[in-house]
Amino acid sequence: MTEKYYPHTPNWVTSPGDTLEEMMEWQKTSREQLSESTGTSLDVIDGIIEGEVEITEEYADLLAGVTTVSRETWLNFERHYREGLANGLVPLRNRNAVYD
């Protein structure tokens, strides 16, 4: 029997903020606590989680200092997310648009 390969090409992309939020839930860390531990404003933390604020090299350094995720990985997550948006992919937070 020959196996068939069906490539999966999603029409969505997840933001690095989704990963950050999942980590925070797992570690039972609030947005306020993350803001305090990174020394950034709550608006920046909220913006990263919502995918509205880009993870710059500075923010990647700060996040790497308080998570188990490296600076390079945060920057790669961000690059992948922005490239996906530029190519017309839907942010996964907008789940209704994914299934339209």
Protein backbone atom coordinates (compact mmCIF):
# COMPACT_ATOMS: atom_id res chain seq x y z
CA MET A 1 0.00 0.00 0.00
CA THR A 2 1.34 3.39 -0.96
CA GLU A 3 1.04 6.20 1.55
CA LYS A 4 -0.19 9.50 0.23
CA TYR A 5 1.25 12.76 1.43
CA TYR A 6 -1.15 15.62 1.99
CA PRO A 7 0.72 18.82 2.80
CA HIS A 8 -0.88 21.07 5.36
CA THR A 9 -0.77 24.71 4.40
CA PRO A 10 -2.56 26.74 7.07
CA ASN A 11 -4.09 30.10 6.28
CA TRP A 12 -3.17 31.36 9.75
CA VAL A 13 -0.16 32.32 11.80
CA THR A 14 0.33 32.52 15.55
CA SER A 15 2.00 35.48 17.21
CA PRO A 16 4.91 35.19 19.60
CA GLY A 17 2.50 36.69 22.10
CA ASP A 18 0.45 33.50 21.98
CA THR A 19 3.54 31.54 22.99
CA LEU A 20 4.34 34.06 25.70
CA GLU A 21 0.80 33.91 27.04
CA GLU A 22 0.86 30.10 27.16
CA MET A 23 4.15 30.21 29.06
CA MET A 24 2.69 32.72 31.49
CA GLU A 25 -0.33 30.49 32.10
CA TRP A 26 1.91 27.49 32.69
CA GLN A 27 4.10 29.49 35.09
CA LYS A 28 1.08 31.18 36.69
CA THR A 29 2.53 34.60 35.89
CA SER A 30 0.32 37.63 35.35
CA ARG A 31 0.88 40.34 32.79
CA GLU A 32 1.61 42.70 35.66
CA GLN A 33 4.27 40.36 37.05
CA LEU A 34 5.88 40.00 33.63
CA SER A 35 5.87 43.78 33.22
CA GLU A 36 7.60 44.18 36.55
CA SER A 37 10.16 41.43 36.00
CA THR A 38 11.14 42.76 32.55
CA GLY A 39 11.00 46.43 33.50
CA THR A 40 8.67 47.21 30.60
CA SER A 41 5.29 48.86 30.72
CA LEU A 42 2.10 46.86 30.96
CA ASP A 43 1.07 48.43 27.63
CA VAL A 44 4.12 46.86 25.96
CA ILE A 45 3.41 43.44 27.50
CA ASP A 46 -0.25 43.66 26.45
CA GLY A 47 0.80 44.74 22.95
CA ILE A 48 3.24 41.84 22.57
CA ILE A 49 0.60 39.35 23.72
CA GLU A 50 -1.98 40.83 21.35
CA GLY A 51 0.52 40.81 18.46
CA GLU A 52 0.40 44.60 18.12
CA VAL A 53 3.89 45.37 19.48
CA GLU A 54 6.83 43.83 17.67
CA ILE A 55 9.43 41.94 19.67
CA THR A 56 12.54 43.99 19.05
CA GLU A 57 16.04 42.90 19.97
CA GLU A 58 15.63 44.78 23.27
CA TYR A 59 12.36 43.03 24.11
CA ALA A 60 13.78 39.68 23.01
CA ASP A 61 16.67 40.15 25.45
CA LEU A 62 14.25 41.01 28.26
CA LEU A 63 11.98 38.04 27.53
CA ALA A 64 14.93 35.67 27.27
CA GLY A 65 15.99 36.82 30.72
CA VAL A 66 12.71 35.77 32.32
CA THR A 67 11.74 32.73 30.22
CA THR A 68 13.40 29.55 29.02
CA VAL A 69 13.23 30.82 25.44
CA SER A 70 16.36 32.28 23.85
CA ARG A 71 16.65 35.76 22.39
CA GLU A 72 17.12 34.29 18.91
CA THR A 73 14.00 32.17 19.23
CA TRP A 74 11.88 35.18 20.24
CA LEU A 75 13.23 37.08 17.23
CA ASN A 76 12.51 34.11 14.94
CA PHE A 77 8.95 33.83 16.28
CA GLU A 78 8.48 37.54 15.57
CA ARG A 79 9.96 37.35 12.06
CA HIS A 80 7.81 34.34 11.17
CA TYR A 81 4.68 36.09 12.46
CA ARG A 82 5.31 39.34 10.57
CA GLU A 83 6.19 37.47 7.36
CA GLY A 84 2.99 35.46 7.67
CA LEU A 85 0.91 38.61 8.08
CA ALA A 86 2.67 40.21 5.11
CA ASN A 87 1.79 37.13 3.04
CA GLY A 88 -1.90 37.39 3.92
CA LEU A 89 -2.12 34.83 6.69
CA VAL A 90 -4.73 35.41 9.37
CA PRO A 91 -3.60 35.90 12.99
CA LEU A 92 -4.83 32.83 14.87
CA ARG A 93 -6.32 34.99 17.63
CA ASN A 94 -8.97 35.84 15.08
CA ARG A 95 -10.28 32.27 15.02
CA ASN A 96 -13.50 33.10 13.16
CA ALA A 97 -11.55 34.34 10.15
CA VAL A 98 -9.58 31.08 10.01
CA TYR A 99 -12.70 29.04 9.39
CA ASP A 100 -14.52 31.43 7.03
